[in-house]
Amino acid sequence: MTDCLIYNISVPQRHPSSICVELSRLVESLKGVSGLFSTVAQDEALMEFIGDFSRTDEIKPEDRTIGFVVVNAEKRKIAISISDPSGRLAPDVNAAAGRLRALGIETEVDLS
């Protein structure tokens, strides 16, 4: 069983992309997503992000989606919503959100 986050990413001049990122790569992906906001070549940055973080193996019935990350590069906004009843992800997610905010990206976090 694999726990996944669904990223929905919108960059200007492109249809939104949705990818599955494994939970084990959450922190790394939240660091990498900042590249979508800081470059004029957002299309290339999107393709690189997808190549680096998108799950490539087969999705199985026992896999679970535990959260969503919605990225709107044009509006410089990101919303992170993750089911985390144990609270174990909170420190890492909040630290990543702080880094995104420091870059001027409006960041909303919901850990429930």
N, C-alpha and C. Protein backbone atom coordinates (compact mmCIF):
# COMPACT_ATOMS: atom_id res chain seq x y z
N MET A 1 0.85 -1.17 0.00
CA MET A 1 0.00 0.00 0.00
C MET A 1 0.90 1.25 0.00
N THR A 2 0.51 2.23 -0.79
CA THR A 2 1.24 3.48 -0.89
C THR A 2 0.32 4.64 -0.54
N ASP A 3 0.81 5.53 0.31
CA ASP A 3 0.08 6.75 0.61
C ASP A 3 0.54 7.83 -0.36
N CYS A 4 -0.43 8.51 -0.98
CA CYS A 4 -0.11 9.51 -2.00
C CYS A 4 -0.76 10.84 -1.69
N LEU A 5 -0.15 11.88 -2.23
CA LEU A 5 -0.73 13.21 -2.26
C LEU A 5 -1.00 13.54 -3.71
N ILE A 6 -2.14 14.12 -3.97
CA ILE A 6 -2.46 14.53 -5.33
C ILE A 6 -2.10 16.00 -5.47
N TYR A 7 -1.20 16.27 -6.38
CA TYR A 7 -0.83 17.65 -6.71
C TYR A 7 -1.67 18.07 -7.91
N ASN A 8 -2.31 19.22 -7.82
CA ASN A 8 -3.00 19.83 -8.95
C ASN A 8 -2.27 21.13 -9.21
N ILE A 9 -1.61 21.22 -10.36
CA ILE A 9 -0.71 22.33 -10.65
C ILE A 9 -1.20 23.11 -11.85
N SER A 10 -1.35 24.42 -11.66
CA SER A 10 -1.74 25.32 -12.75
C SER A 10 -0.61 26.32 -12.98
N VAL A 11 -0.15 26.38 -14.21
CA VAL A 11 0.80 27.40 -14.62
C VAL A 11 0.18 28.12 -15.82
N PRO A 12 0.55 29.38 -16.04
CA PRO A 12 -0.04 30.13 -17.16
C PRO A 12 0.14 29.41 -18.50
N GLN A 13 -0.86 29.55 -19.35
CA GLN A 13 -0.84 29.03 -20.71
C GLN A 13 -0.83 27.50 -20.82
N ARG A 14 -1.20 26.80 -19.75
CA ARG A 14 -1.25 25.33 -19.79
C ARG A 14 -2.49 24.84 -19.08
N HIS A 15 -2.96 23.69 -19.55
CA HIS A 15 -4.05 23.01 -18.87
C HIS A 15 -3.50 22.50 -17.53
N PRO A 16 -4.28 22.57 -16.44
CA PRO A 16 -3.77 22.08 -15.14
C PRO A 16 -3.32 20.62 -15.21
N SER A 17 -2.28 20.32 -14.47
CA SER A 17 -1.74 18.96 -14.40
C SER A 17 -2.00 18.39 -13.02
N SER A 18 -2.36 17.12 -12.98
CA SER A 18 -2.56 16.42 -11.71
C SER A 18 -1.62 15.23 -11.67
N ILE A 19 -0.88 15.12 -10.56
CA ILE A 19 0.04 14.00 -10.40
C ILE A 19 -0.08 13.45 -8.98
N CYS A 20 0.34 12.20 -8.83
CA CYS A 20 0.40 11.55 -7.53
C CYS A 20 1.86 11.59 -7.07
N VAL A 21 2.07 12.07 -5.85
CA VAL A 21 3.41 12.10 -5.25
C VAL A 21 3.34 11.24 -3.99
N GLU A 22 4.26 10.30 -3.87
CA GLU A 22 4.27 9.43 -2.69
C GLU A 22 4.54 10.24 -1.44
N LEU A 23 3.88 9.87 -0.36
CA LEU A 23 4.02 10.57 0.92
C LEU A 23 5.48 10.67 1.34
N SER A 24 6.25 9.65 1.08
CA SER A 24 7.67 9.65 1.47
C SER A 24 8.45 10.77 0.80
N ARG A 25 7.90 11.36 -0.26
CA ARG A 25 8.58 12.44 -0.98
C ARG A 25 7.93 13.80 -0.73
N LEU A 26 7.05 13.87 0.26
CA LEU A 26 6.31 15.09 0.54
C LEU A 26 7.23 16.29 0.76
N VAL A 27 8.12 16.21 1.71
CA VAL A 27 8.97 17.35 2.06
C VAL A 27 9.83 17.76 0.87
N GLU A 28 10.41 16.79 0.22
CA GLU A 28 11.24 17.06 -0.95
C GLU A 28 10.42 17.75 -2.05
N SER A 29 9.19 17.28 -2.26
CA SER A 29 8.35 17.87 -3.30
C SER A 29 7.93 19.29 -2.94
N LEU A 30 7.70 19.57 -1.66
CA LEU A 30 7.33 20.93 -1.25
C LEU A 30 8.50 21.89 -1.42
N LYS A 31 9.71 21.38 -1.32
CA LYS A 31 10.88 22.21 -1.62
C LYS A 31 10.98 22.44 -3.13
N GLY A 32 10.74 21.41 -3.90
CA GLY A 32 10.85 21.49 -5.34
C GLY A 32 9.78 22.33 -6.00
N VAL A 33 8.60 22.40 -5.39
CA VAL A 33 7.49 23.14 -5.99
C VAL A 33 7.79 24.64 -6.07
N SER A 34 8.67 25.13 -5.25
CA SER A 34 8.98 26.57 -5.28
C SER A 34 9.55 26.99 -6.63
N GLY A 35 10.16 26.06 -7.36
CA GLY A 35 10.69 26.36 -8.68
C GLY A 35 9.62 26.76 -9.68
N LEU A 36 8.39 26.34 -9.45
CA LEU A 36 7.29 26.71 -10.34
C LEU A 36 6.91 28.18 -10.21
N PHE A 37 7.30 28.79 -9.10
CA PHE A 37 6.97 30.19 -8.85
C PHE A 37 8.12 31.13 -9.19
N SER A 38 9.32 30.62 -9.27
CA SER A 38 10.48 31.50 -9.36
C SER A 38 11.13 31.54 -10.74
N THR A 39 10.48 31.04 -11.73
CA THR A 39 11.09 31.02 -13.05
C THR A 39 10.14 31.56 -14.11
N VAL A 40 10.73 32.15 -15.14
CA VAL A 40 9.89 32.60 -16.26
C VAL A 40 9.59 31.43 -17.18
N ALA A 41 10.38 30.38 -17.10
CA ALA A 41 10.17 29.18 -17.92
C ALA A 41 9.33 28.18 -17.12
N GLN A 42 8.13 28.60 -16.73
CA GLN A 42 7.30 27.76 -15.87
C GLN A 42 6.90 26.46 -16.54
N ASP A 43 6.74 26.47 -17.86
CA ASP A 43 6.38 25.25 -18.57
C ASP A 43 7.48 24.19 -18.40
N GLU A 44 8.71 24.61 -18.56
CA GLU A 44 9.85 23.69 -18.38
C GLU A 44 9.97 23.27 -16.91
N ALA A 45 9.75 24.21 -16.00
CA ALA A 45 9.80 23.88 -14.57
C ALA A 45 8.73 22.87 -14.21
N LEU A 46 7.55 23.00 -14.82
CA LEU A 46 6.46 22.05 -14.57
C LEU A 46 6.87 20.66 -15.05
N MET A 47 7.39 20.56 -16.24
CA MET A 47 7.80 19.26 -16.78
C MET A 47 8.90 18.63 -15.91
N GLU A 48 9.81 19.45 -15.43
CA GLU A 48 10.88 18.96 -14.56
C GLU A 48 10.30 18.47 -13.23
N PHE A 49 9.38 19.23 -12.65
CA PHE A 49 8.75 18.85 -11.39
C PHE A 49 8.02 17.52 -11.56
N ILE A 50 7.24 17.39 -12.62
CA ILE A 50 6.51 16.15 -12.88
C ILE A 50 7.49 14.99 -13.03
N GLY A 51 8.54 15.19 -13.79
CA GLY A 51 9.54 14.14 -13.99
C GLY A 51 10.23 13.73 -12.69
N ASP A 52 10.47 14.71 -11.82
CA ASP A 52 11.17 14.43 -10.56
C ASP A 52 10.28 13.78 -9.51
N PHE A 53 8.99 14.15 -9.46
CA PHE A 53 8.17 13.75 -8.33
C PHE A 53 6.96 12.88 -8.62
N SER A 54 6.52 12.81 -9.84
CA SER A 54 5.32 12.04 -10.15
C SER A 54 5.57 10.55 -9.96
N ARG A 55 4.62 9.92 -9.33
CA ARG A 55 4.70 8.47 -9.14
C ARG A 55 4.59 7.80 -10.51
N THR A 56 5.47 6.83 -10.76
CA THR A 56 5.50 6.20 -12.08
C THR A 56 5.05 4.75 -12.07
N ASP A 57 4.96 4.13 -10.89
CA ASP A 57 4.53 2.74 -10.86
C ASP A 57 3.00 2.65 -10.91
N GLU A 58 2.52 1.46 -11.04
CA GLU A 58 1.08 1.23 -11.19
C GLU A 58 0.34 1.54 -9.90
N ILE A 59 -0.78 2.23 -10.03
CA ILE A 59 -1.62 2.52 -8.88
C ILE A 59 -2.45 1.28 -8.57
N LYS A 60 -2.49 0.91 -7.29
CA LYS A 60 -3.18 -0.31 -6.87
C LYS A 60 -4.42 0.05 -6.04
N PRO A 61 -5.38 -0.86 -5.98
CA PRO A 61 -6.62 -0.59 -5.23
C PRO A 61 -6.38 -0.28 -3.75
N GLU A 62 -5.34 -0.81 -3.16
CA GLU A 62 -5.10 -0.58 -1.74
C GLU A 62 -4.36 0.73 -1.46
N ASP A 63 -3.93 1.44 -2.50
CA ASP A 63 -3.27 2.73 -2.32
C ASP A 63 -4.27 3.75 -1.77
N ARG A 64 -3.74 4.74 -1.03
CA ARG A 64 -4.61 5.74 -0.41
C ARG A 64 -4.16 7.15 -0.79
N THR A 65 -5.12 8.01 -1.02
CA THR A 65 -4.85 9.43 -1.17
C THR A 65 -5.08 10.06 0.18
N ILE A 66 -4.04 10.65 0.75
CA ILE A 66 -4.19 11.23 2.09
C ILE A 66 -4.19 12.75 2.08
N GLY A 67 -4.03 13.34 0.90
CA GLY A 67 -4.06 14.79 0.86
C GLY A 67 -3.94 15.35 -0.53
N PHE A 68 -4.05 16.67 -0.58
CA PHE A 68 -4.00 17.40 -1.84
C PHE A 68 -3.10 18.61 -1.69
N VAL A 69 -2.40 18.93 -2.77
CA VAL A 69 -1.62 20.15 -2.83
C VAL A 69 -2.04 20.85 -4.12
N VAL A 70 -2.62 22.02 -3.98
CA VAL A 70 -3.11 22.77 -5.13
C VAL A 70 -2.19 23.96 -5.34
N VAL A 71 -1.60 24.04 -6.53
CA VAL A 71 -0.62 25.06 -6.86
C VAL A 71 -1.17 25.94 -7.98
N ASN A 72 -1.21 27.24 -7.75
CA ASN A 72 -1.57 28.18 -8.79
C ASN A 72 -0.39 29.13 -8.94
N ALA A 73 0.46 28.84 -9.92
CA ALA A 73 1.69 29.60 -10.10
C ALA A 73 1.41 31.05 -10.50
N GLU A 74 0.39 31.26 -11.31
CA GLU A 74 0.09 32.61 -11.78
C GLU A 74 -0.32 33.53 -10.62
N LYS A 75 -1.10 33.00 -9.70
CA LYS A 75 -1.56 33.80 -8.55
C LYS A 75 -0.61 33.70 -7.37
N ARG A 76 0.46 32.90 -7.50
CA ARG A 76 1.45 32.70 -6.44
C ARG A 76 0.78 32.20 -5.16
N LYS A 77 -0.03 31.14 -5.32
CA LYS A 77 -0.74 30.55 -4.19
C LYS A 77 -0.54 29.04 -4.18
N ILE A 78 -0.52 28.50 -2.98
CA ILE A 78 -0.47 27.05 -2.80
C ILE A 78 -1.31 26.70 -1.58
N ALA A 79 -2.10 25.64 -1.71
CA ALA A 79 -2.92 25.15 -0.60
C ALA A 79 -2.54 23.70 -0.35
N ILE A 80 -2.23 23.40 0.89
CA ILE A 80 -1.82 22.05 1.29
C ILE A 80 -2.85 21.52 2.27
N SER A 81 -3.48 20.41 1.94
CA SER A 81 -4.48 19.81 2.81
C SER A 81 -4.17 18.32 2.95
N ILE A 82 -3.82 17.92 4.17
CA ILE A 82 -3.38 16.55 4.40
C ILE A 82 -4.06 15.98 5.63
N SER A 83 -4.51 14.74 5.51
CA SER A 83 -5.06 14.03 6.66
C SER A 83 -3.89 13.50 7.47
N ASP A 84 -3.71 14.06 8.66
CA ASP A 84 -2.56 13.72 9.51
C ASP A 84 -3.00 13.61 10.96
N PRO A 85 -3.85 12.60 11.27
CA PRO A 85 -4.37 12.50 12.64
C PRO A 85 -3.28 12.32 13.70
N SER A 86 -2.16 11.74 13.34
CA SER A 86 -1.09 11.52 14.32
C SER A 86 -0.28 12.78 14.58
N GLY A 87 -0.34 13.74 13.66
CA GLY A 87 0.44 14.97 13.81
C GLY A 87 1.91 14.82 13.45
N ARG A 88 2.30 13.68 12.93
CA ARG A 88 3.72 13.45 12.63
C ARG A 88 4.24 14.25 11.45
N LEU A 89 3.36 14.67 10.56
CA LEU A 89 3.79 15.44 9.39
C LEU A 89 3.84 16.94 9.66
N ALA A 90 3.15 17.39 10.70
CA ALA A 90 2.98 18.82 10.95
C ALA A 90 4.30 19.60 10.99
N PRO A 91 5.31 19.16 11.71
CA PRO A 91 6.54 19.97 11.76
C PRO A 91 7.18 20.18 10.38
N ASP A 92 7.25 19.12 9.59
CA ASP A 92 7.87 19.23 8.26
C ASP A 92 7.02 20.06 7.31
N VAL A 93 5.71 19.86 7.33
CA VAL A 93 4.83 20.61 6.43
C VAL A 93 4.83 22.09 6.81
N ASN A 94 4.76 22.38 8.10
CA ASN A 94 4.76 23.78 8.53
C ASN A 94 6.09 24.47 8.22
N ALA A 95 7.20 23.75 8.33
CA ALA A 95 8.50 24.32 7.97
C ALA A 95 8.57 24.61 6.47
N ALA A 96 8.07 23.68 5.66
CA ALA A 96 8.05 23.89 4.21
C ALA A 96 7.14 25.06 3.85
N ALA A 97 6.01 25.16 4.52
CA ALA A 97 5.09 26.28 4.28
C ALA A 97 5.75 27.61 4.64
N GLY A 98 6.51 27.62 5.71
CA GLY A 98 7.23 28.84 6.10
C GLY A 98 8.24 29.26 5.04
N ARG A 99 8.93 28.29 4.44
CA ARG A 99 9.89 28.61 3.37
C ARG A 99 9.17 29.18 2.15
N LEU A 100 8.00 28.61 1.82
CA LEU A 100 7.22 29.12 0.69
C LEU A 100 6.73 30.54 0.97
N ARG A 101 6.26 30.78 2.18
CA ARG A 101 5.80 32.13 2.54
C ARG A 101 6.93 33.14 2.46
N ALA A 102 8.12 32.73 2.87
CA ALA A 102 9.30 33.61 2.81
C ALA A 102 9.63 34.00 1.38
N LEU A 103 9.22 33.18 0.42
CA LEU A 103 9.43 33.49 -1.00
C LEU A 103 8.30 34.35 -1.56
N GLY A 104 7.35 34.73 -0.72
CA GLY A 104 6.23 35.56 -1.15
C GLY A 104 5.08 34.77 -1.77
N ILE A 105 5.03 33.48 -1.48
CA ILE A 105 3.98 32.63 -2.00
C ILE A 105 2.90 32.48 -0.92
N GLU A 106 1.68 32.88 -1.26
CA GLU A 106 0.58 32.74 -0.30
C GLU A 106 0.34 31.25 -0.08
N THR A 107 0.49 30.81 1.17
CA THR A 107 0.45 29.38 1.47
C THR A 107 -0.57 29.11 2.57
N GLU A 108 -1.46 28.19 2.26
CA GLU A 108 -2.50 27.78 3.21
C GLU A 108 -2.24 26.31 3.57
N VAL A 109 -2.32 26.00 4.86
CA VAL A 109 -2.08 24.63 5.32
C VAL A 109 -3.25 24.17 6.16
N ASP A 110 -3.73 22.95 5.86
CA ASP A 110 -4.79 22.31 6.64
C ASP A 110 -4.32 20.90 6.94
N LEU A 111 -3.97 20.66 8.19
CA LEU A 111 -3.57 19.33 8.63
C LEU A 111 -4.62 18.85 9.63
N SER A 112 -5.41 17.87 9.21
CA SER A 112 -6.47 17.41 10.11
C SER A 112 -6.36 15.92 10.35
